[in-house]
């Protein structure tokens, strides 16, 4: 099984169009266009899961630099997702002090 990253997608490309483009090279398990959580609009990239490694490799070679939805797409092996933890971030603020004059 091969997971493939597809970048520079037109915002108008649907998951079915993405799947159709890759199906020319073999069995597609899943095609996903990544969307913004707030707006639901495409973020301009997606992922495709091909059933067989040799078909995935053929799709990468055949589609990288080709046109889909009026844009030249970038196609390569997807990097494994990195676990960034639970986010937590941002430190606290602090301090301050103030206010009134504390003379004794």
C-alpha atoms as a PDB file:
ATOM      1  CA  UNK A   1       0.000   0.000   0.000  1.00  0.00           C
ATOM      2  CA  UNK A   2       1.309   3.465  -0.888  1.00  0.00           C
ATOM      3  CA  UNK A   3       0.227   6.762   0.644  1.00  0.00           C
ATOM      4  CA  UNK A   4       0.675   9.644  -1.781  1.00  0.00           C
ATOM      5  CA  UNK A   5       0.733  13.396  -1.215  1.00  0.00           C
ATOM      6  CA  UNK A   6      -0.827  15.569  -3.921  1.00  0.00           C
ATOM      7  CA  UNK A   7      -0.016  19.266  -3.739  1.00  0.00           C
ATOM      8  CA  UNK A   8      -0.940  22.427  -5.624  1.00  0.00           C
ATOM      9  CA  UNK A   9      -4.481  21.227  -6.194  1.00  0.00           C
ATOM     10  CA  UNK A  10      -7.029  23.625  -7.575  1.00  0.00           C
ATOM     11  CA  UNK A  11      -9.543  24.573  -4.890  1.00  0.00           C
ATOM     12  CA  UNK A  12     -12.232  23.210  -7.236  1.00  0.00           C
ATOM     13  CA  UNK A  13     -10.879  19.635  -7.473  1.00  0.00           C
ATOM     14  CA  UNK A  14     -13.150  17.115  -5.742  1.00  0.00           C
ATOM     15  CA  UNK A  15     -12.215  13.840  -4.103  1.00  0.00           C
ATOM     16  CA  UNK A  16     -13.908  11.946  -6.937  1.00  0.00           C
ATOM     17  CA  UNK A  17     -11.809  13.808  -9.537  1.00  0.00           C
ATOM     18  CA  UNK A  18      -8.667  13.036  -7.551  1.00  0.00           C
ATOM     19  CA  UNK A  19      -9.617   9.376  -7.305  1.00  0.00           C
ATOM     20  CA  UNK A  20     -10.396   9.231 -11.015  1.00  0.00           C
ATOM     21  CA  UNK A  21      -6.995  10.655 -11.977  1.00  0.00           C
ATOM     22  CA  UNK A  22      -5.167   8.038  -9.881  1.00  0.00           C
ATOM     23  CA  UNK A  23      -7.446   5.143 -10.884  1.00  0.00           C
ATOM     24  CA  UNK A  24      -5.815   5.218 -14.331  1.00  0.00           C
ATOM     25  CA  UNK A  25      -2.753   3.702 -12.604  1.00  0.00           C
ATOM     26  CA  UNK A  26      -4.458   1.093 -10.407  1.00  0.00           C
ATOM     27  CA  UNK A  27      -6.769   0.484  -7.486  1.00  0.00           C
ATOM     28  CA  UNK A  28      -7.373   3.507  -5.268  1.00  0.00           C
ATOM     29  CA  UNK A  29      -8.324   2.666  -1.684  1.00  0.00           C
ATOM     30  CA  UNK A  30      -9.024   6.249  -0.681  1.00  0.00           C
ATOM     31  CA  UNK A  31      -8.703   9.794  -2.027  1.00  0.00           C
ATOM     32  CA  UNK A  32      -8.962  12.754   0.319  1.00  0.00           C
ATOM     33  CA  UNK A  33      -8.868  16.494  -0.378  1.00  0.00           C
ATOM     34  CA  UNK A  34      -7.882  18.297   2.817  1.00  0.00           C
ATOM     35  CA  UNK A  35     -10.281  21.069   3.780  1.00  0.00           C
ATOM     36  CA  UNK A  36     -10.160  23.946   6.236  1.00  0.00           C
ATOM     37  CA  UNK A  37     -12.070  23.125   9.426  1.00  0.00           C
ATOM     38  CA  UNK A  38     -13.642  26.540   9.701  1.00  0.00           C
ATOM     39  CA  UNK A  39     -14.657  27.240   6.108  1.00  0.00           C
ATOM     40  CA  UNK A  40     -14.853  23.760   4.582  1.00  0.00           C
ATOM     41  CA  UNK A  41     -12.860  25.060   1.625  1.00  0.00           C
ATOM     42  CA  UNK A  42     -10.060  23.002   0.071  1.00  0.00           C
ATOM     43  CA  UNK A  43      -6.580  23.765   1.402  1.00  0.00           C
ATOM     44  CA  UNK A  44      -5.046  22.946  -1.984  1.00  0.00           C
ATOM     45  CA  UNK A  45      -3.620  19.523  -1.206  1.00  0.00           C
ATOM     46  CA  UNK A  46      -4.743  15.983  -0.566  1.00  0.00           C
ATOM     47  CA  UNK A  47      -3.753  12.371  -0.126  1.00  0.00           C
ATOM     48  CA  UNK A  48      -4.366   9.224  -2.114  1.00  0.00           C
ATOM     49  CA  UNK A  49      -3.942   5.667  -0.863  1.00  0.00           C
ATOM     50  CA  UNK A  50      -3.107   3.162  -3.600  1.00  0.00           C
ATOM     51  CA  UNK A  51      -3.638  -0.568  -3.005  1.00  0.00           C
ATOM     52  CA  UNK A  52      -0.307  -1.736  -4.453  1.00  0.00           C
ATOM     53  CA  UNK A  53       3.151  -0.190  -4.152  1.00  0.00           C
ATOM     54  CA  UNK A  54       4.002  -0.637  -7.835  1.00  0.00           C
ATOM     55  CA  UNK A  55       0.767   1.092  -8.869  1.00  0.00           C
ATOM     56  CA  UNK A  56       1.475   3.913  -6.428  1.00  0.00           C
ATOM     57  CA  UNK A  57       4.960   4.367  -7.859  1.00  0.00           C
ATOM     58  CA  UNK A  58       3.550   4.420 -11.405  1.00  0.00           C
ATOM     59  CA  UNK A  59       0.963   7.024 -10.380  1.00  0.00           C
ATOM     60  CA  UNK A  60       3.639   9.235  -8.802  1.00  0.00           C
ATOM     61  CA  UNK A  61       5.816   9.035 -11.909  1.00  0.00           C
ATOM     62  CA  UNK A  62       2.871   9.510 -14.254  1.00  0.00           C
ATOM     63  CA  UNK A  63       1.098  12.347 -12.476  1.00  0.00           C
ATOM     64  CA  UNK A  64       3.854  14.449 -10.896  1.00  0.00           C
ATOM     65  CA  UNK A  65       4.071  17.654 -12.931  1.00  0.00           C
ATOM     66  CA  UNK A  66       0.843  16.920 -14.802  1.00  0.00           C
ATOM     67  CA  UNK A  67      -2.227  19.140 -14.899  1.00  0.00           C
ATOM     68  CA  UNK A  68      -5.355  18.541 -12.843  1.00  0.00           C
ATOM     69  CA  UNK A  69      -8.124  21.101 -12.560  1.00  0.00           C
ATOM     70  CA  UNK A  70      -6.089  23.694 -14.450  1.00  0.00           C
ATOM     71  CA  UNK A  71      -3.021  23.520 -12.170  1.00  0.00           C
ATOM     72  CA  UNK A  72       0.260  21.639 -12.321  1.00  0.00           C
ATOM     73  CA  UNK A  73       0.217  19.217  -9.417  1.00  0.00           C
ATOM     74  CA  UNK A  74       3.033  17.906  -7.237  1.00  0.00           C
ATOM     75  CA  UNK A  75       2.817  14.197  -6.489  1.00  0.00           C
ATOM     76  CA  UNK A  76       5.135  12.249  -4.199  1.00  0.00           C
ATOM     77  CA  UNK A  77       5.221   9.693  -1.405  1.00  0.00           C
ATOM     78  CA  UNK A  78       3.494  11.073   1.681  1.00  0.00           C
ATOM     79  CA  UNK A  79       5.669  11.536   4.723  1.00  0.00           C
ATOM     80  CA  UNK A  80       4.438   9.826   7.882  1.00  0.00           C
ATOM     81  CA  UNK A  81       2.285  11.996  10.092  1.00  0.00           C
ATOM     82  CA  UNK A  82       4.260  13.453  12.959  1.00  0.00           C
ATOM     83  CA  UNK A  83       2.619  13.399  16.366  1.00  0.00           C
ATOM     84  CA  UNK A  84       2.937  16.889  17.728  1.00  0.00           C
ATOM     85  CA  UNK A  85       1.496  16.069  21.087  1.00  0.00           C
ATOM     86  CA  UNK A  86      -1.472  17.813  22.537  1.00  0.00           C
ATOM     87  CA  UNK A  87      -0.409  21.241  21.756  1.00  0.00           C
ATOM     88  CA  UNK A  88      -0.466  22.885  25.012  1.00  0.00           C
ATOM     89  CA  UNK A  89       1.767  25.686  24.225  1.00  0.00           C
ATOM     90  CA  UNK A  90       2.006  29.061  25.231  1.00  0.00           C
ATOM     91  CA  UNK A  91       3.316  30.084  28.418  1.00  0.00           C
ATOM     92  CA  UNK A  92       1.885  32.158  30.889  1.00  0.00           C
ATOM     93  CA  UNK A  93       2.042  35.613  31.479  1.00  0.00           C
ATOM     94  CA  UNK A  94       2.753  36.976  34.475  1.00  0.00           C
ATOM     95  CA  UNK A  95       3.615  39.178  36.693  1.00  0.00           C
ATOM     96  CA  UNK A  96       2.979  42.366  37.186  1.00  0.00           C
ATOM     97  CA  UNK A  97       2.603  44.052  39.993  1.00  0.00           C
ATOM     98  CA  UNK A  98       1.473  46.969  40.714  1.00  0.00           C
ATOM     99  CA  UNK A  99      -0.930  49.271  41.564  1.00  0.00           C
ATOM    100  CA  UNK A 100      -0.405  51.194  44.639  1.00  0.00           C
ATOM    101  CA  UNK A 101       2.609  52.562  46.372  1.00  0.00           C
ATOM    102  CA  UNK A 102       3.659  50.303  49.204  1.00  0.00           C
ATOM    103  CA  UNK A 103       5.664  52.544  51.349  1.00  0.00           C
ATOM    104  CA  UNK A 104       5.798  51.751  55.049  1.00  0.00           C
END
